[in-house]
Protein backbone atom coordinates (compact mmCIF):
# COMPACT_ATOMS: atom_id res chain seq x y z
CA UNK A 1 44.25 -76.09 -15.00
CA UNK A 2 42.38 -72.87 -13.59
CA UNK A 3 40.95 -70.55 -15.80
CA UNK A 4 41.72 -66.83 -15.92
CA UNK A 5 40.05 -63.57 -16.63
CA UNK A 6 40.83 -60.35 -17.99
CA UNK A 7 38.29 -57.33 -17.34
CA UNK A 8 38.59 -53.89 -19.32
CA UNK A 9 37.37 -51.05 -17.04
CA UNK A 10 35.83 -48.98 -19.54
CA UNK A 11 35.20 -46.14 -17.62
CA UNK A 12 36.22 -42.44 -18.71
CA UNK A 13 37.61 -41.93 -15.12
CA UNK A 14 41.16 -42.20 -14.92
CA UNK A 15 43.14 -43.98 -11.50
CA UNK A 16 43.52 -41.67 -9.21
CA UNK A 17 40.26 -39.43 -10.28
CA UNK A 18 38.57 -37.69 -7.14
CA UNK A 19 35.31 -39.48 -8.80
CA UNK A 20 34.34 -42.84 -7.89
CA UNK A 21 33.52 -45.24 -11.03
CA UNK A 22 30.06 -47.26 -10.70
CA UNK A 23 31.65 -49.08 -13.70
CA UNK A 24 34.18 -49.96 -11.01
CA UNK A 25 31.87 -51.16 -8.53
CA UNK A 26 30.07 -53.43 -10.78
CA UNK A 27 33.17 -54.93 -11.94
CA UNK A 28 34.57 -55.38 -8.47
CA UNK A 29 31.05 -57.65 -7.49
CA UNK A 30 31.81 -59.98 -10.71
CA UNK A 31 35.49 -60.20 -10.20
CA UNK A 32 35.05 -61.04 -6.37
CA UNK A 33 32.48 -63.79 -7.59
CA UNK A 34 34.79 -65.49 -10.03
CA UNK A 35 37.43 -65.82 -7.51
CA UNK A 36 35.26 -67.27 -5.13
CA UNK A 37 35.29 -69.61 -8.09
CA UNK A 38 39.04 -69.94 -8.39
CA UNK A 39 39.63 -67.67 -11.53
CA UNK A 40 42.21 -65.30 -11.20
CA UNK A 41 41.18 -61.90 -13.04
CA UNK A 42 43.67 -58.87 -14.02
CA UNK A 43 41.45 -55.45 -14.25
CA UNK A 44 42.66 -52.91 -17.12
CA UNK A 45 41.40 -49.48 -16.79
CA UNK A 46 41.47 -48.46 -20.27
CA UNK A 47 41.68 -44.54 -19.59
CA UNK A 48 44.88 -45.20 -18.13
CA UNK A 49 46.44 -46.55 -21.41
CA UNK A 50 47.70 -45.07 -24.57
CA UNK A 51 45.42 -47.04 -27.00
CA UNK A 52 46.21 -45.44 -30.42
CA UNK A 53 43.19 -45.14 -32.78
CA UNK A 54 43.00 -47.82 -35.63
CA UNK A 55 42.29 -51.30 -36.48
CA UNK A 56 45.65 -53.39 -36.21
CA UNK A 57 47.27 -54.96 -33.47
CA UNK A 58 50.10 -52.82 -33.23
CA UNK A 59 49.58 -48.96 -34.13
CA UNK A 60 53.10 -47.91 -33.81
CA UNK A 61 55.45 -45.99 -30.96
CA UNK A 62 53.72 -45.27 -27.91
CA UNK A 63 50.85 -47.54 -28.50
CA UNK A 64 49.49 -49.54 -25.23
CA UNK A 65 47.49 -52.05 -27.11
CA UNK A 66 50.20 -54.45 -28.47
CA UNK A 67 50.72 -55.29 -24.56
CA UNK A 68 46.92 -55.57 -23.38
CA UNK A 69 46.69 -57.95 -26.57
CA UNK A 70 48.74 -59.94 -25.14
CA UNK A 71 46.78 -60.31 -21.94
CA UNK A 72 43.44 -60.94 -24.19
CA UNK A 73 44.96 -64.05 -25.95
CA UNK A 74 46.31 -65.03 -22.23
CA UNK A 75 43.38 -65.38 -20.66
CA UNK A 76 40.27 -67.81 -21.14
CA UNK A 77 37.69 -65.03 -20.39
CA UNK A 78 37.22 -61.23 -21.40
CA UNK A 79 35.00 -58.99 -19.32
CA UNK A 80 34.13 -55.79 -20.73
CA UNK A 81 32.64 -53.83 -18.00
CA UNK A 82 31.44 -50.12 -19.68
CA UNK A 83 29.27 -46.83 -18.43
CA UNK A 84 26.52 -45.79 -20.82
CA UNK A 85 27.09 -42.36 -22.31
CA UNK A 86 24.94 -40.74 -24.53
CA UNK A 87 22.92 -44.09 -25.12
CA UNK A 88 26.20 -45.80 -26.47
CA UNK A 89 29.22 -47.52 -24.45
CA UNK A 90 32.38 -45.44 -23.23
CA UNK A 91 34.70 -44.15 -26.07
CA UNK A 92 37.34 -45.78 -25.15
CA UNK A 93 35.67 -49.31 -24.96
CA UNK A 94 34.83 -49.03 -28.42
CA UNK A 95 38.51 -48.12 -29.29
CA UNK A 96 38.99 -51.35 -27.63
CA UNK A 97 36.44 -52.97 -29.70
CA UNK A 98 37.78 -51.34 -33.33
CA UNK A 99 41.32 -52.66 -31.79
CA UNK A 100 40.42 -56.12 -31.61
CA UNK A 101 39.05 -56.24 -35.55
CA UNK A 102 42.55 -57.28 -36.12
CA UNK A 103 41.53 -60.24 -34.96
CA UNK A 104 39.53 -61.19 -38.14
CA UNK A 105 42.72 -61.33 -40.23
CA UNK A 106 44.71 -63.00 -37.24
CA UNK A 107 43.59 -66.91 -37.90
CA UNK A 108 45.96 -70.37 -37.51
CA UNK A 109 45.97 -72.29 -40.63
CA UNK A 110 42.96 -73.80 -39.81
CA UNK A 111 41.18 -70.65 -40.27
CA UNK A 112 40.14 -70.35 -36.61
CA UNK A 113 40.37 -66.44 -34.92
CA UNK A 114 43.06 -66.04 -32.21
CA UNK A 115 39.78 -65.40 -29.83
CA UNK A 116 38.50 -68.72 -30.67
CA UNK A 117 37.77 -70.42 -27.37
CA UNK A 118 37.69 -67.80 -25.28
CA UNK A 119 34.45 -66.19 -23.64
CA UNK A 120 33.21 -62.95 -23.07
CA UNK A 121 30.88 -60.77 -20.96
CA UNK A 122 29.88 -57.46 -20.32
CA UNK A 123 28.85 -54.83 -17.15
CA UNK A 124 26.69 -52.01 -17.79
CA UNK A 125 25.82 -48.98 -15.62
CA UNK A 126 23.97 -45.72 -16.55
CA UNK A 127 21.26 -43.15 -15.56
CA UNK A 128 19.58 -43.74 -18.01
CA UNK A 129 17.51 -46.53 -20.30
CA UNK A 130 19.73 -48.32 -22.71
CA UNK A 131 21.34 -51.06 -20.87
CA UNK A 132 19.91 -53.95 -23.49
CA UNK A 133 21.16 -51.95 -26.25
CA UNK A 134 24.94 -51.34 -24.98
CA UNK A 135 25.07 -54.61 -24.43
CA UNK A 136 23.84 -56.02 -27.87
CA UNK A 137 26.22 -53.58 -29.38
CA UNK A 138 28.91 -55.57 -26.86
CA UNK A 139 27.56 -59.16 -27.57
CA UNK A 140 27.50 -58.65 -31.59
CA UNK A 141 31.20 -56.70 -31.52
CA UNK A 142 32.60 -59.54 -29.39
CA UNK A 143 31.22 -62.50 -31.11
CA UNK A 144 32.05 -61.08 -34.23
CA UNK A 145 35.88 -61.13 -33.83
CA UNK A 146 35.67 -64.79 -32.29
CA UNK A 147 34.35 -64.84 -28.85
CA UNK A 148 31.62 -66.94 -27.44
CA UNK A 149 29.11 -65.44 -25.63
CA UNK A 150 27.46 -67.67 -22.49
CA UNK A 151 23.52 -67.22 -21.75
CA UNK A 152 22.93 -64.63 -19.21
CA UNK A 153 26.54 -62.93 -20.08
CA UNK A 154 25.17 -59.51 -19.41
CA UNK A 155 25.21 -57.98 -15.72
CA UNK A 156 23.87 -54.20 -15.76
CA UNK A 157 21.93 -51.03 -13.83
CA UNK A 158 20.32 -48.20 -14.75
CA UNK A 159 19.24 -45.47 -12.80
CA UNK A 160 15.91 -43.58 -13.21
CA UNK A 161 16.17 -41.55 -16.25
CA UNK A 162 17.49 -38.05 -15.83
CA UNK A 163 18.15 -38.85 -12.21
CA UNK A 164 21.05 -38.32 -10.27
CA UNK A 165 22.18 -41.20 -8.52
CA UNK A 166 24.76 -43.74 -9.46
CA UNK A 167 25.58 -47.13 -8.99
CA UNK A 168 28.47 -46.66 -6.70
CA UNK A 169 26.24 -44.17 -4.78
CA UNK A 170 23.94 -47.11 -3.49
CA UNK A 171 24.17 -48.18 -0.19
CA UNK A 172 23.07 -51.52 -1.01
CA UNK A 173 23.51 -53.68 -4.04
CA UNK A 174 20.19 -54.95 -5.53
CA UNK A 175 19.02 -58.13 -5.36
CA UNK A 176 18.42 -58.03 -8.83
CA UNK A 177 21.82 -57.47 -10.05
CA UNK A 178 23.29 -59.86 -7.43
CA UNK A 179 21.33 -62.58 -9.31
CA UNK A 180 22.26 -61.36 -12.75
CA UNK A 181 26.50 -61.18 -11.54
CA UNK A 182 25.58 -65.04 -10.47
CA UNK A 183 24.33 -66.09 -13.38
CA UNK A 184 26.98 -64.11 -15.50
CA UNK A 185 29.60 -65.76 -13.52
CA UNK A 186 28.04 -69.53 -13.39
CA UNK A 187 27.75 -69.32 -16.76
CA UNK A 188 30.63 -67.93 -18.07
CA UNK A 189 32.66 -69.98 -16.08
CA UNK A 190 30.90 -73.10 -17.18
CA UNK A 191 31.42 -72.20 -21.13
CA UNK A 192 35.17 -71.04 -20.45
CA UNK A 193 35.60 -74.86 -18.93
CA UNK A 194 34.27 -76.68 -21.72
CA UNK A 195 36.11 -74.37 -24.74
CA UNK A 196 39.01 -74.88 -22.98
CA UNK A 197 38.66 -78.85 -22.74
CA UNK A 198 37.40 -78.86 -26.89
CA UNK A 199 38.27 -75.98 -29.09
CA UNK A 200 35.96 -75.08 -32.18
CA UNK A 201 36.84 -77.47 -35.38
CA UNK A 202 38.89 -75.83 -38.22
CA UNK A 203 38.24 -75.39 -41.88
CA UNK A 204 38.51 -78.69 -43.62
CA UNK A 205 41.21 -78.86 -46.36
């Protein structure tokens, strides 16, 4: 059975914005590479959805998270793309992570979280140093809520400190970024395939 992926675009720019999104461009590279390996990806721009604050799977009337949560649980791979703001993941990215905190209590009869067996990778863009810090924050948070992180599962680009050039403005994608995207896709698909065929063991009764 083919693998499927869900991508979170955590840009602060909603769809229809007159400004282009660097996060969107980097995610597009990864999604294209996944498609070449027959992995179908759905991308959700988080800023377009009313994701309520909280740490449960349903925060009541008007909350867009329950529908998004269903898509997470249906996919084999979760790809989280975020810009760097003030040296941190974007606010909408953090909100999505906070909502996945509910997975800690959502376990099967053998103590496995609903996210067990799913693989996560990250994509980070910004105009300041901090990509490693943001990747580290995301990797730890995703691992805490049950996702498995492959080797080299982060792809990023950062411009010159205090510079004005964004990733979306580059005429050519740097070779180093292309290499990171290739490793991310290759390793993520490999691990997701293994876990799809062999789920983690549960608690011994």
